């Protein structure tokens, strides 16, 4: 294999859960004016990969122009988790993901770096029975850039041996800032065809063939 270490985003990359995440925000803010919720949804869809903490803060401070305490952000984050966690546990895996993980976890190193809440994400992976494939499962409240630093410091992985497999432009920028190679997944959030140098896959069924030679 050309690369030894693969870091995956979670939603839309390993599990078909992007729509569940978006629906969770609609439910979380269902008591607020619809035009404000619609603005949040536009922000959320354009900024996949950012944490719920950032999106909750954005809703209050940028859309409603009112302050929000850290305690309220934590409380609403917990409410959001209650709305989405079980649905994500029960959602379909992205095509090819389980097969790839099970076939190559003894050959390659795997980790997850996600914008989802870390405690929630670890529990979801445990219940889905995939947690043992990953050296680390990292998420919010730390940013992806912070979790990259944390992962590489702990594992001593080399960045030139590492691929980041994700589905949003925020993921792309995080990969670029950290100096790792990026592969996009066509989950519907980004038109990767607009990025001339980005290699993109529809799912993970061709992942093994790609990482043997990518980039050319």
N, C-alpha and C. Protein backbone atom coordinates (compact mmCIF):
# COMPACT_ATOMS: atom_id res chain seq x y z
N UNK A 1 0.83 -1.19 0.00
CA UNK A 1 0.00 0.00 0.00
C UNK A 1 0.88 1.26 0.00
N UNK A 2 0.48 2.25 -0.79
CA UNK A 2 1.23 3.49 -0.87
C UNK A 2 1.13 4.27 0.45
N UNK A 3 -0.02 4.17 1.13
CA UNK A 3 -0.23 4.85 2.40
C UNK A 3 -0.45 3.83 3.51
N UNK A 4 -0.01 4.19 4.71
CA UNK A 4 -0.09 3.29 5.86
C UNK A 4 -1.21 3.66 6.82
N UNK A 5 -1.59 4.93 6.82
CA UNK A 5 -2.53 5.43 7.82
C UNK A 5 -3.70 6.13 7.13
N UNK A 6 -4.91 5.76 7.48
CA UNK A 6 -6.11 6.39 6.94
C UNK A 6 -6.93 6.99 8.07
N UNK A 7 -7.24 8.28 7.92
CA UNK A 7 -8.11 8.97 8.86
C UNK A 7 -9.44 9.21 8.15
N UNK A 8 -10.52 8.81 8.79
CA UNK A 8 -11.85 8.97 8.22
C UNK A 8 -12.65 10.02 8.98
N UNK A 9 -13.41 10.81 8.24
CA UNK A 9 -14.54 11.49 8.83
C UNK A 9 -15.60 10.41 9.10
N UNK A 10 -16.65 10.75 9.78
CA UNK A 10 -17.65 9.73 10.11
C UNK A 10 -18.93 9.89 9.29
N UNK A 11 -19.67 10.97 9.54
CA UNK A 11 -20.95 11.18 8.88
C UNK A 11 -20.76 11.38 7.38
N UNK A 12 -21.44 10.58 6.58
CA UNK A 12 -21.34 10.69 5.13
C UNK A 12 -20.16 9.97 4.53
N UNK A 13 -19.26 9.49 5.37
CA UNK A 13 -18.06 8.80 4.90
C UNK A 13 -18.09 7.32 5.30
N UNK A 14 -18.38 7.07 6.56
CA UNK A 14 -18.54 5.70 7.04
C UNK A 14 -20.00 5.31 7.22
N UNK A 15 -20.84 6.29 7.52
CA UNK A 15 -22.25 6.03 7.81
C UNK A 15 -23.12 7.06 7.08
N UNK A 16 -24.25 6.63 6.57
CA UNK A 16 -25.17 7.52 5.86
C UNK A 16 -26.00 8.31 6.87
N UNK A 17 -25.39 9.33 7.46
CA UNK A 17 -26.03 10.03 8.58
C UNK A 17 -26.07 11.54 8.43
N UNK A 18 -25.66 12.09 7.28
CA UNK A 18 -25.70 13.54 7.14
C UNK A 18 -27.11 14.10 7.30
N UNK A 19 -28.09 13.48 6.66
CA UNK A 19 -29.45 13.98 6.74
C UNK A 19 -29.99 13.90 8.16
N UNK A 20 -29.59 12.87 8.88
CA UNK A 20 -30.01 12.75 10.28
C UNK A 20 -29.46 13.91 11.09
N UNK A 21 -28.21 14.29 10.84
CA UNK A 21 -27.61 15.42 11.53
C UNK A 21 -28.37 16.71 11.24
N UNK A 22 -28.69 16.95 9.96
CA UNK A 22 -29.42 18.15 9.60
C UNK A 22 -30.81 18.17 10.23
N UNK A 23 -31.51 17.04 10.18
CA UNK A 23 -32.83 16.95 10.80
C UNK A 23 -32.77 17.23 12.29
N UNK A 24 -31.66 16.83 12.91
CA UNK A 24 -31.50 17.07 14.34
C UNK A 24 -31.53 18.54 14.70
N UNK A 25 -30.92 19.38 13.85
CA UNK A 25 -30.95 20.82 14.10
C UNK A 25 -32.35 21.39 13.92
N UNK A 26 -33.08 20.89 12.93
CA UNK A 26 -34.46 21.34 12.75
C UNK A 26 -35.30 21.03 13.98
N UNK A 27 -35.10 19.85 14.54
CA UNK A 27 -35.85 19.46 15.73
C UNK A 27 -35.39 20.25 16.95
N UNK A 28 -34.09 20.44 17.07
CA UNK A 28 -33.55 21.15 18.22
C UNK A 28 -34.08 22.58 18.30
N UNK A 29 -34.23 23.22 17.15
CA UNK A 29 -34.65 24.62 17.11
C UNK A 29 -36.10 24.79 16.63
N UNK A 30 -36.89 23.75 16.80
CA UNK A 30 -38.26 23.79 16.27
C UNK A 30 -39.13 24.85 16.93
N UNK A 31 -38.76 25.32 18.11
CA UNK A 31 -39.55 26.34 18.78
C UNK A 31 -39.18 27.76 18.41
N UNK A 32 -38.23 27.91 17.48
CA UNK A 32 -37.77 29.23 17.07
C UNK A 32 -38.36 29.60 15.71
N UNK A 33 -38.34 30.88 15.34
CA UNK A 33 -38.91 31.30 14.06
C UNK A 33 -38.31 30.53 12.88
N UNK A 34 -39.17 30.13 11.96
CA UNK A 34 -38.75 29.28 10.86
C UNK A 34 -37.68 29.95 9.99
N UNK A 35 -37.80 31.27 9.77
CA UNK A 35 -36.82 31.93 8.91
C UNK A 35 -35.43 31.89 9.54
N UNK A 36 -35.36 31.89 10.88
CA UNK A 36 -34.07 31.79 11.55
C UNK A 36 -33.53 30.36 11.45
N UNK A 37 -34.40 29.39 11.61
CA UNK A 37 -33.98 28.00 11.48
C UNK A 37 -33.49 27.72 10.06
N UNK A 38 -34.16 28.30 9.07
CA UNK A 38 -33.74 28.11 7.68
C UNK A 38 -32.35 28.68 7.44
N UNK A 39 -32.06 29.82 8.05
CA UNK A 39 -30.71 30.39 7.93
C UNK A 39 -29.68 29.46 8.55
N UNK A 40 -30.02 28.87 9.68
CA UNK A 40 -29.10 27.93 10.30
C UNK A 40 -28.88 26.72 9.41
N UNK A 41 -29.94 26.21 8.80
CA UNK A 41 -29.80 25.05 7.94
C UNK A 41 -28.90 25.36 6.74
N UNK A 42 -29.03 26.56 6.19
CA UNK A 42 -28.15 26.95 5.09
C UNK A 42 -26.70 26.97 5.55
N UNK A 43 -26.47 27.50 6.74
CA UNK A 43 -25.12 27.54 7.30
C UNK A 43 -24.60 26.13 7.56
N UNK A 44 -25.45 25.28 8.13
CA UNK A 44 -25.04 23.92 8.47
C UNK A 44 -24.68 23.12 7.22
N UNK A 45 -25.48 23.25 6.18
CA UNK A 45 -25.23 22.49 4.95
C UNK A 45 -24.00 22.99 4.21
N UNK A 46 -23.72 24.28 4.35
CA UNK A 46 -22.54 24.85 3.70
C UNK A 46 -21.27 24.64 4.52
N UNK A 47 -21.45 24.21 5.76
CA UNK A 47 -20.31 24.07 6.67
C UNK A 47 -20.29 22.72 7.36
N UNK A 48 -20.54 21.68 6.56
CA UNK A 48 -20.40 20.34 7.10
C UNK A 48 -18.99 20.15 7.62
N UNK A 49 -18.87 19.43 8.70
CA UNK A 49 -17.56 19.24 9.30
C UNK A 49 -17.33 20.11 10.51
N UNK A 50 -18.09 21.22 10.62
CA UNK A 50 -18.00 22.03 11.83
C UNK A 50 -18.85 21.39 12.92
N UNK A 51 -18.46 21.58 14.15
CA UNK A 51 -19.14 20.92 15.26
C UNK A 51 -20.50 21.52 15.55
N UNK A 52 -21.32 20.79 16.26
CA UNK A 52 -22.61 21.30 16.71
C UNK A 52 -22.45 22.49 17.63
N UNK A 53 -21.35 22.51 18.39
CA UNK A 53 -21.10 23.63 19.30
C UNK A 53 -20.98 24.92 18.50
N UNK A 54 -20.25 24.87 17.39
CA UNK A 54 -20.08 26.04 16.53
C UNK A 54 -21.41 26.45 15.92
N UNK A 55 -22.22 25.48 15.50
CA UNK A 55 -23.48 25.78 14.84
C UNK A 55 -24.51 26.33 15.82
N UNK A 56 -24.53 25.80 17.03
CA UNK A 56 -25.44 26.33 18.04
C UNK A 56 -25.07 27.78 18.38
N UNK A 57 -23.78 28.02 18.57
CA UNK A 57 -23.31 29.38 18.85
C UNK A 57 -23.66 30.32 17.69
N UNK A 58 -23.46 29.85 16.47
CA UNK A 58 -23.77 30.67 15.30
C UNK A 58 -25.25 31.05 15.29
N UNK A 59 -26.12 30.11 15.60
CA UNK A 59 -27.55 30.38 15.58
C UNK A 59 -27.90 31.53 16.51
N UNK A 60 -27.38 31.49 17.71
CA UNK A 60 -27.74 32.53 18.67
C UNK A 60 -27.00 33.83 18.42
N UNK A 61 -25.70 33.77 18.22
CA UNK A 61 -24.92 35.00 18.14
C UNK A 61 -25.01 35.68 16.78
N UNK A 62 -25.08 34.92 15.69
CA UNK A 62 -25.07 35.51 14.36
C UNK A 62 -26.47 35.65 13.75
N UNK A 63 -27.35 34.72 14.05
CA UNK A 63 -28.70 34.77 13.47
C UNK A 63 -29.67 35.51 14.38
N UNK A 64 -29.63 35.20 15.66
CA UNK A 64 -30.56 35.84 16.60
C UNK A 64 -29.95 37.07 17.29
N UNK A 65 -28.66 37.28 17.11
CA UNK A 65 -27.99 38.44 17.72
C UNK A 65 -28.21 38.51 19.23
N UNK A 66 -28.02 37.37 19.86
CA UNK A 66 -28.13 37.33 21.32
C UNK A 66 -27.02 36.45 21.88
N UNK A 67 -26.56 36.76 23.08
CA UNK A 67 -25.47 35.97 23.67
C UNK A 67 -25.98 34.60 24.11
N UNK A 68 -25.06 33.66 24.19
CA UNK A 68 -25.38 32.33 24.70
C UNK A 68 -24.22 31.88 25.57
N UNK A 69 -24.53 31.31 26.70
CA UNK A 69 -23.50 30.86 27.64
C UNK A 69 -22.94 29.52 27.22
N UNK A 70 -21.74 29.23 27.69
CA UNK A 70 -21.15 27.92 27.42
C UNK A 70 -22.01 26.81 28.01
N UNK A 71 -22.62 27.09 29.14
CA UNK A 71 -23.47 26.08 29.78
C UNK A 71 -24.68 25.75 28.92
N UNK A 72 -25.28 26.79 28.31
CA UNK A 72 -26.44 26.53 27.45
C UNK A 72 -26.02 25.79 26.20
N UNK A 73 -24.86 26.11 25.65
CA UNK A 73 -24.37 25.38 24.48
C UNK A 73 -24.21 23.90 24.82
N UNK A 74 -23.65 23.61 25.99
CA UNK A 74 -23.48 22.22 26.40
C UNK A 74 -24.82 21.52 26.57
N UNK A 75 -25.78 22.24 27.18
CA UNK A 75 -27.10 21.66 27.39
C UNK A 75 -27.79 21.35 26.07
N UNK A 76 -27.72 22.29 25.13
CA UNK A 76 -28.37 22.08 23.84
C UNK A 76 -27.64 21.01 23.03
N UNK A 77 -26.33 20.92 23.19
CA UNK A 77 -25.59 19.85 22.53
C UNK A 77 -26.05 18.49 23.01
N UNK A 78 -26.28 18.38 24.32
CA UNK A 78 -26.78 17.12 24.87
C UNK A 78 -28.18 16.81 24.34
N UNK A 79 -29.03 17.83 24.22
CA UNK A 79 -30.36 17.63 23.67
C UNK A 79 -30.28 17.16 22.22
N UNK A 80 -29.36 17.76 21.48
CA UNK A 80 -29.16 17.37 20.08
C UNK A 80 -28.75 15.90 19.98
N UNK A 81 -27.84 15.50 20.85
CA UNK A 81 -27.40 14.10 20.86
C UNK A 81 -28.56 13.16 21.10
N UNK A 82 -29.44 13.53 22.02
CA UNK A 82 -30.61 12.69 22.30
C UNK A 82 -31.52 12.56 21.09
N UNK A 83 -31.52 13.58 20.23
CA UNK A 83 -32.38 13.57 19.05
C UNK A 83 -31.83 12.70 17.92
N UNK A 84 -30.51 12.58 17.85
CA UNK A 84 -29.93 11.94 16.66
C UNK A 84 -29.22 10.62 16.93
N UNK A 85 -28.77 10.38 18.13
CA UNK A 85 -27.84 9.27 18.36
C UNK A 85 -28.40 7.92 17.97
N UNK A 86 -29.60 7.59 18.41
CA UNK A 86 -30.14 6.28 18.11
C UNK A 86 -30.38 6.10 16.62
N UNK A 87 -30.80 7.16 15.95
CA UNK A 87 -31.03 7.09 14.50
C UNK A 87 -29.72 6.84 13.76
N UNK A 88 -28.63 7.43 14.25
CA UNK A 88 -27.34 7.21 13.61
C UNK A 88 -26.84 5.80 13.88
N UNK A 89 -27.06 5.30 15.07
CA UNK A 89 -26.70 3.92 15.39
C UNK A 89 -27.38 2.95 14.42
N UNK A 90 -28.61 3.27 14.05
CA UNK A 90 -29.40 2.37 13.21
C UNK A 90 -29.26 2.66 11.71
N UNK A 91 -28.53 3.71 11.34
CA UNK A 91 -28.45 4.09 9.93
C UNK A 91 -27.54 3.16 9.13
N UNK A 92 -27.68 3.23 7.82
CA UNK A 92 -26.92 2.34 6.94
C UNK A 92 -25.45 2.75 6.88
N UNK A 93 -24.55 1.78 6.77
CA UNK A 93 -23.15 2.12 6.49
C UNK A 93 -23.01 2.61 5.06
N UNK A 94 -22.06 3.48 4.81
CA UNK A 94 -21.72 3.86 3.44
C UNK A 94 -21.25 2.61 2.70
N UNK A 95 -21.67 2.47 1.47
CA UNK A 95 -21.34 1.29 0.67
C UNK A 95 -19.84 1.04 0.67
N UNK A 96 -19.46 -0.18 0.99
CA UNK A 96 -18.07 -0.58 0.96
C UNK A 96 -17.29 -0.31 2.24
N UNK A 97 -17.88 0.43 3.17
CA UNK A 97 -17.12 0.84 4.36
C UNK A 97 -16.83 -0.34 5.28
N UNK A 98 -17.81 -1.15 5.58
CA UNK A 98 -17.61 -2.27 6.50
C UNK A 98 -16.64 -3.28 5.88
N UNK A 99 -16.80 -3.52 4.60
CA UNK A 99 -15.93 -4.48 3.93
C UNK A 99 -14.48 -4.00 3.95
N UNK A 100 -14.28 -2.72 3.67
CA UNK A 100 -12.92 -2.18 3.65
C UNK A 100 -12.29 -2.22 5.04
N UNK A 101 -13.03 -1.78 6.05
CA UNK A 101 -12.50 -1.77 7.41
C UNK A 101 -12.14 -3.18 7.87
N UNK A 102 -13.03 -4.12 7.64
CA UNK A 102 -12.79 -5.48 8.12
C UNK A 102 -11.64 -6.16 7.38
N UNK A 103 -11.47 -5.83 6.11
CA UNK A 103 -10.44 -6.49 5.31
C UNK A 103 -9.05 -5.91 5.56
N UNK A 104 -8.98 -4.61 5.87
CA UNK A 104 -7.68 -3.95 5.90
C UNK A 104 -7.26 -3.42 7.27
N UNK A 105 -8.03 -3.67 8.32
CA UNK A 105 -7.65 -3.08 9.61
C UNK A 105 -6.39 -3.72 10.19
N UNK A 106 -6.03 -4.89 9.71
CA UNK A 106 -4.77 -5.51 10.16
C UNK A 106 -3.59 -5.16 9.25
N UNK A 107 -3.87 -4.44 8.16
CA UNK A 107 -2.83 -4.04 7.21
C UNK A 107 -2.50 -2.56 7.33
N UNK A 108 -3.53 -1.75 7.56
CA UNK A 108 -3.41 -0.30 7.64
C UNK A 108 -3.83 0.18 9.03
N UNK A 109 -3.40 1.37 9.38
CA UNK A 109 -3.84 2.01 10.62
C UNK A 109 -5.04 2.89 10.30
N UNK A 110 -6.08 2.81 11.11
CA UNK A 110 -7.30 3.59 10.93
C UNK A 110 -7.54 4.49 12.14
N UNK A 111 -8.07 5.69 11.87
CA UNK A 111 -8.54 6.58 12.92
C UNK A 111 -9.74 7.35 12.39
N UNK A 112 -10.50 7.92 13.31
CA UNK A 112 -11.61 8.82 12.95
C UNK A 112 -11.31 10.19 13.54
N UNK A 113 -11.47 11.22 12.70
CA UNK A 113 -11.49 12.60 13.18
C UNK A 113 -12.74 13.23 12.60
N UNK A 114 -13.65 13.62 13.48
CA UNK A 114 -14.97 14.08 13.07
C UNK A 114 -15.34 15.37 13.78
N UNK A 115 -16.27 16.10 13.18
CA UNK A 115 -16.83 17.27 13.85
C UNK A 115 -17.91 16.90 14.84
N UNK A 116 -18.30 15.64 14.88
CA UNK A 116 -19.31 15.18 15.84
C UNK A 116 -18.72 15.13 17.25
N UNK A 117 -19.58 15.17 18.23
CA UNK A 117 -19.14 15.11 19.61
C UNK A 117 -18.39 13.80 19.88
N UNK A 118 -17.23 13.91 20.49
CA UNK A 118 -16.37 12.73 20.65
C UNK A 118 -17.00 11.65 21.52
N UNK A 119 -17.56 12.04 22.65
CA UNK A 119 -18.15 11.05 23.55
C UNK A 119 -19.29 10.31 22.85
N UNK A 120 -20.13 11.05 22.15
CA UNK A 120 -21.23 10.45 21.41
C UNK A 120 -20.71 9.52 20.32
N UNK A 121 -19.68 9.97 19.61
CA UNK A 121 -19.14 9.21 18.48
C UNK A 121 -18.53 7.89 18.93
N UNK A 122 -17.80 7.91 20.03
CA UNK A 122 -17.23 6.67 20.55
C UNK A 122 -18.33 5.67 20.89
N UNK A 123 -19.40 6.17 21.50
CA UNK A 123 -20.51 5.29 21.87
C UNK A 123 -21.20 4.73 20.62
N UNK A 124 -21.41 5.56 19.61
CA UNK A 124 -22.05 5.10 18.38
C UNK A 124 -21.20 4.01 17.72
N UNK A 125 -19.90 4.23 17.64
CA UNK A 125 -19.01 3.23 17.03
C UNK A 125 -19.01 1.93 17.83
N UNK A 126 -19.06 2.06 19.15
CA UNK A 126 -19.09 0.86 20.00
C UNK A 126 -20.35 0.05 19.75
N UNK A 127 -21.50 0.72 19.74
CA UNK A 127 -22.77 0.01 19.55
C UNK A 127 -22.87 -0.56 18.15
N UNK A 128 -22.33 0.14 17.16
CA UNK A 128 -22.34 -0.37 15.79
C UNK A 128 -21.32 -1.49 15.58
N UNK A 129 -20.43 -1.69 16.56
CA UNK A 129 -19.47 -2.78 16.48
C UNK A 129 -18.28 -2.51 15.60
N UNK A 130 -17.91 -1.22 15.44
CA UNK A 130 -16.77 -0.90 14.57
C UNK A 130 -15.65 -0.19 15.33
N UNK A 131 -15.83 0.06 16.62
CA UNK A 131 -14.85 0.86 17.37
C UNK A 131 -13.47 0.22 17.37
N UNK A 132 -13.41 -1.11 17.34
CA UNK A 132 -12.13 -1.81 17.45
C UNK A 132 -11.26 -1.65 16.21
N UNK A 133 -11.81 -1.14 15.13
CA UNK A 133 -11.01 -0.94 13.92
C UNK A 133 -10.09 0.28 14.03
N UNK A 134 -10.35 1.17 14.98
CA UNK A 134 -9.71 2.47 14.98
C UNK A 134 -8.74 2.66 16.15
N UNK A 135 -7.55 3.15 15.80
CA UNK A 135 -6.56 3.48 16.83
C UNK A 135 -7.07 4.59 17.73
N UNK A 136 -7.70 5.60 17.14
CA UNK A 136 -8.28 6.71 17.89
C UNK A 136 -9.60 7.11 17.24
N UNK A 137 -10.56 7.54 18.06
CA UNK A 137 -11.82 8.12 17.59
C UNK A 137 -11.92 9.50 18.25
N UNK A 138 -11.72 10.55 17.45
CA UNK A 138 -11.59 11.90 17.98
C UNK A 138 -12.67 12.80 17.40
N UNK A 139 -13.19 13.70 18.23
CA UNK A 139 -14.23 14.61 17.77
C UNK A 139 -14.29 15.87 18.59
N UNK A 140 -15.41 16.58 18.47
CA UNK A 140 -15.63 17.84 19.18
C UNK A 140 -15.74 17.57 20.69
N UNK A 141 -15.41 18.56 21.51
CA UNK A 141 -15.32 19.98 21.16
C UNK A 141 -14.00 20.44 20.54
N UNK A 142 -12.97 19.61 20.47
CA UNK A 142 -11.75 20.04 19.79
C UNK A 142 -12.02 20.14 18.29
N UNK A 143 -11.34 21.07 17.63
CA UNK A 143 -11.46 21.21 16.18
C UNK A 143 -10.72 20.07 15.49
N UNK A 144 -10.97 19.92 14.20
CA UNK A 144 -10.27 18.88 13.46
C UNK A 144 -8.77 19.14 13.42
N UNK A 145 -8.38 20.41 13.30
CA UNK A 145 -6.96 20.74 13.31
C UNK A 145 -6.32 20.35 14.64
N UNK A 146 -7.01 20.64 15.73
CA UNK A 146 -6.49 20.27 17.05
C UNK A 146 -6.40 18.76 17.20
N UNK A 147 -7.39 18.05 16.66
CA UNK A 147 -7.37 16.59 16.75
C UNK A 147 -6.32 15.97 15.85
N UNK A 148 -6.02 16.60 14.72
CA UNK A 148 -4.89 16.15 13.91
C UNK A 148 -3.61 16.22 14.74
N UNK A 149 -3.37 17.36 15.37
CA UNK A 149 -2.17 17.52 16.19
C UNK A 149 -2.11 16.47 17.29
N UNK A 150 -3.24 16.25 17.93
CA UNK A 150 -3.33 15.27 19.01
C UNK A 150 -3.02 13.86 18.51
N UNK A 151 -3.58 13.51 17.35
CA UNK A 151 -3.40 12.17 16.80
C UNK A 151 -1.94 11.93 16.41
N UNK A 152 -1.36 12.86 15.69
CA UNK A 152 0.01 12.66 15.22
C UNK A 152 1.02 12.68 16.37
N UNK A 153 0.74 13.48 17.40
CA UNK A 153 1.61 13.50 18.56
C UNK A 153 1.57 12.16 19.30
N UNK A 154 0.38 11.59 19.41
CA UNK A 154 0.22 10.35 20.17
C UNK A 154 0.71 9.13 19.40
N UNK A 155 0.40 9.07 18.11
CA UNK A 155 0.69 7.86 17.33
C UNK A 155 2.06 7.86 16.66
N UNK A 156 2.61 9.07 16.47
CA UNK A 156 3.88 9.22 15.74
C UNK A 156 3.74 8.83 14.27
N UNK A 157 2.50 8.82 13.77
CA UNK A 157 2.33 8.57 12.34
C UNK A 157 3.00 9.68 11.54
N UNK A 158 3.46 9.35 10.34
CA UNK A 158 4.05 10.33 9.44
C UNK A 158 2.96 10.88 8.52
N UNK A 159 2.94 12.19 8.36
CA UNK A 159 1.89 12.81 7.56
C UNK A 159 1.96 12.40 6.09
N UNK A 160 3.17 12.15 5.58
CA UNK A 160 3.29 11.77 4.17
C UNK A 160 2.78 10.35 3.93
N UNK A 161 2.56 9.59 4.98
CA UNK A 161 1.99 8.25 4.87
C UNK A 161 0.50 8.21 5.18
N UNK A 162 -0.13 9.38 5.27
CA UNK A 162 -1.50 9.47 5.79
C UNK A 162 -2.46 10.05 4.76
N UNK A 163 -3.65 9.46 4.67
CA UNK A 163 -4.75 9.99 3.87
C UNK A 163 -5.90 10.39 4.78
N UNK A 164 -6.55 11.50 4.45
CA UNK A 164 -7.75 11.94 5.16
C UNK A 164 -8.93 11.76 4.21
N UNK A 165 -9.90 10.94 4.59
CA UNK A 165 -11.04 10.60 3.73
C UNK A 165 -12.29 11.27 4.28
N UNK A 166 -12.78 12.30 3.57
CA UNK A 166 -13.86 13.13 4.11
C UNK A 166 -14.78 13.62 3.00
N UNK A 167 -15.78 14.42 3.39
CA UNK A 167 -16.81 14.79 2.41
C UNK A 167 -17.18 16.27 2.42
N UNK A 168 -16.41 17.15 3.04
CA UNK A 168 -16.74 18.57 3.05
C UNK A 168 -15.52 19.43 2.75
N UNK A 169 -15.77 20.66 2.36
CA UNK A 169 -14.66 21.58 2.10
C UNK A 169 -13.93 21.94 3.39
N UNK A 170 -14.63 21.99 4.51
CA UNK A 170 -13.95 22.24 5.77
C UNK A 170 -12.95 21.14 6.08
N UNK A 171 -13.31 19.91 5.71
CA UNK A 171 -12.37 18.79 5.87
C UNK A 171 -11.15 18.99 4.98
N UNK A 172 -11.41 19.43 3.75
CA UNK A 172 -10.31 19.68 2.81
C UNK A 172 -9.34 20.71 3.38
N UNK A 173 -9.88 21.81 3.90
CA UNK A 173 -9.02 22.87 4.42
C UNK A 173 -8.26 22.40 5.67
N UNK A 174 -8.90 21.57 6.48
CA UNK A 174 -8.22 21.01 7.65
C UNK A 174 -7.06 20.13 7.21
N UNK A 175 -7.30 19.32 6.18
CA UNK A 175 -6.23 18.44 5.66
C UNK A 175 -5.08 19.27 5.11
N UNK A 176 -5.40 20.31 4.37
CA UNK A 176 -4.37 21.15 3.78
C UNK A 176 -3.55 21.84 4.86
N UNK A 177 -4.22 22.34 5.89
CA UNK A 177 -3.51 23.05 6.96
C UNK A 177 -2.60 22.12 7.75
N UNK A 178 -2.97 20.84 7.78
CA UNK A 178 -2.18 19.86 8.54
C UNK A 178 -1.18 19.11 7.68
N UNK A 179 -1.24 19.31 6.37
CA UNK A 179 -0.25 18.70 5.49
C UNK A 179 -0.46 17.24 5.18
N UNK A 180 -1.74 16.80 5.15
CA UNK A 180 -2.02 15.42 4.77
C UNK A 180 -2.81 15.39 3.47
N UNK A 181 -2.69 14.30 2.74
CA UNK A 181 -3.37 14.15 1.46
C UNK A 181 -4.85 13.84 1.69
N UNK A 182 -5.68 14.35 0.81
CA UNK A 182 -7.13 14.31 0.97
C UNK A 182 -7.78 13.51 -0.15
N UNK A 183 -8.76 12.69 0.21
CA UNK A 183 -9.65 12.05 -0.77
C UNK A 183 -11.08 12.43 -0.41
N UNK A 184 -11.83 12.92 -1.39
CA UNK A 184 -13.21 13.32 -1.14
C UNK A 184 -14.17 12.18 -1.35
N UNK A 185 -15.27 12.22 -0.60
CA UNK A 185 -16.37 11.28 -0.78
C UNK A 185 -17.57 12.08 -1.29
N UNK A 186 -18.21 11.59 -2.34
CA UNK A 186 -19.38 12.26 -2.91
C UNK A 186 -20.63 11.93 -2.11
N UNK A 187 -20.76 12.57 -0.96
CA UNK A 187 -21.93 12.33 -0.12
C UNK A 187 -23.10 13.24 -0.47
N UNK A 188 -22.88 14.19 -1.38
CA UNK A 188 -23.92 15.13 -1.77
C UNK A 188 -23.73 16.52 -1.21
N UNK A 189 -22.75 16.71 -0.33
CA UNK A 189 -22.53 18.02 0.27
C UNK A 189 -21.65 18.93 -0.58
N UNK A 190 -20.76 18.33 -1.38
CA UNK A 190 -19.81 19.11 -2.16
C UNK A 190 -19.74 18.53 -3.57
N UNK A 191 -19.64 19.41 -4.56
CA UNK A 191 -19.36 18.98 -5.93
C UNK A 191 -17.86 18.97 -6.11
N UNK A 192 -17.25 17.82 -5.90
CA UNK A 192 -15.79 17.73 -5.98
C UNK A 192 -15.27 17.93 -7.39
N UNK A 193 -16.16 17.87 -8.38
CA UNK A 193 -15.74 18.13 -9.74
C UNK A 193 -15.26 19.55 -9.95
N UNK A 194 -15.61 20.46 -9.03
CA UNK A 194 -15.16 21.85 -9.11
C UNK A 194 -13.74 22.02 -8.59
N UNK A 195 -13.20 20.95 -7.99
CA UNK A 195 -11.85 21.00 -7.43
C UNK A 195 -10.97 20.10 -8.32
N UNK A 196 -10.21 20.71 -9.19
CA UNK A 196 -9.51 19.97 -10.24
C UNK A 196 -8.50 18.96 -9.70
N UNK A 197 -7.92 19.22 -8.54
CA UNK A 197 -6.86 18.35 -8.03
C UNK A 197 -7.35 17.35 -6.98
N UNK A 198 -8.65 17.33 -6.72
CA UNK A 198 -9.18 16.43 -5.69
C UNK A 198 -9.68 15.14 -6.32
N UNK A 199 -9.19 14.03 -5.81
CA UNK A 199 -9.71 12.73 -6.22
C UNK A 199 -10.91 12.42 -5.33
N UNK A 200 -12.02 12.02 -5.94
CA UNK A 200 -13.24 11.76 -5.18
C UNK A 200 -13.84 10.41 -5.55
N UNK A 201 -14.45 9.77 -4.56
CA UNK A 201 -15.11 8.48 -4.73
C UNK A 201 -16.57 8.62 -4.35
N UNK A 202 -17.42 7.80 -4.96
CA UNK A 202 -18.83 7.80 -4.58
C UNK A 202 -19.06 7.09 -3.26
N UNK A 203 -18.20 6.14 -2.93
CA UNK A 203 -18.30 5.38 -1.68
C UNK A 203 -16.94 4.74 -1.43
N UNK A 204 -16.88 3.79 -0.51
CA UNK A 204 -15.59 3.19 -0.16
C UNK A 204 -15.34 1.84 -0.83
N UNK A 205 -16.19 1.47 -1.77
CA UNK A 205 -16.02 0.16 -2.41
C UNK A 205 -14.76 0.09 -3.27
N UNK A 206 -14.26 1.26 -3.73
CA UNK A 206 -13.05 1.28 -4.54
C UNK A 206 -11.84 1.81 -3.76
N UNK A 207 -11.98 1.92 -2.46
CA UNK A 207 -10.94 2.53 -1.65
C UNK A 207 -9.62 1.78 -1.74
N UNK A 208 -9.67 0.48 -1.67
CA UNK A 208 -8.44 -0.32 -1.68
C UNK A 208 -7.65 -0.09 -2.95
N UNK A 209 -8.33 -0.07 -4.09
CA UNK A 209 -7.64 0.13 -5.36
C UNK A 209 -7.03 1.53 -5.44
N UNK A 210 -7.72 2.50 -4.90
CA UNK A 210 -7.26 3.88 -5.00
C UNK A 210 -6.01 4.13 -4.16
N UNK A 211 -6.01 3.67 -2.94
CA UNK A 211 -4.89 4.03 -2.04
C UNK A 211 -3.60 3.35 -2.43
N UNK A 212 -3.67 2.33 -3.27
CA UNK A 212 -2.44 1.68 -3.72
C UNK A 212 -1.62 2.57 -4.64
N UNK A 213 -2.29 3.52 -5.29
CA UNK A 213 -1.59 4.31 -6.30
C UNK A 213 -1.80 5.81 -6.14
N UNK A 214 -2.63 6.25 -5.20
CA UNK A 214 -2.97 7.67 -5.10
C UNK A 214 -1.98 8.40 -4.21
N UNK A 215 -1.49 9.62 -4.58
CA UNK A 215 -1.69 10.20 -5.92
C UNK A 215 -0.70 9.60 -6.90
N UNK A 216 -1.02 9.72 -8.16
CA UNK A 216 -0.13 9.16 -9.20
C UNK A 216 1.24 9.84 -9.14
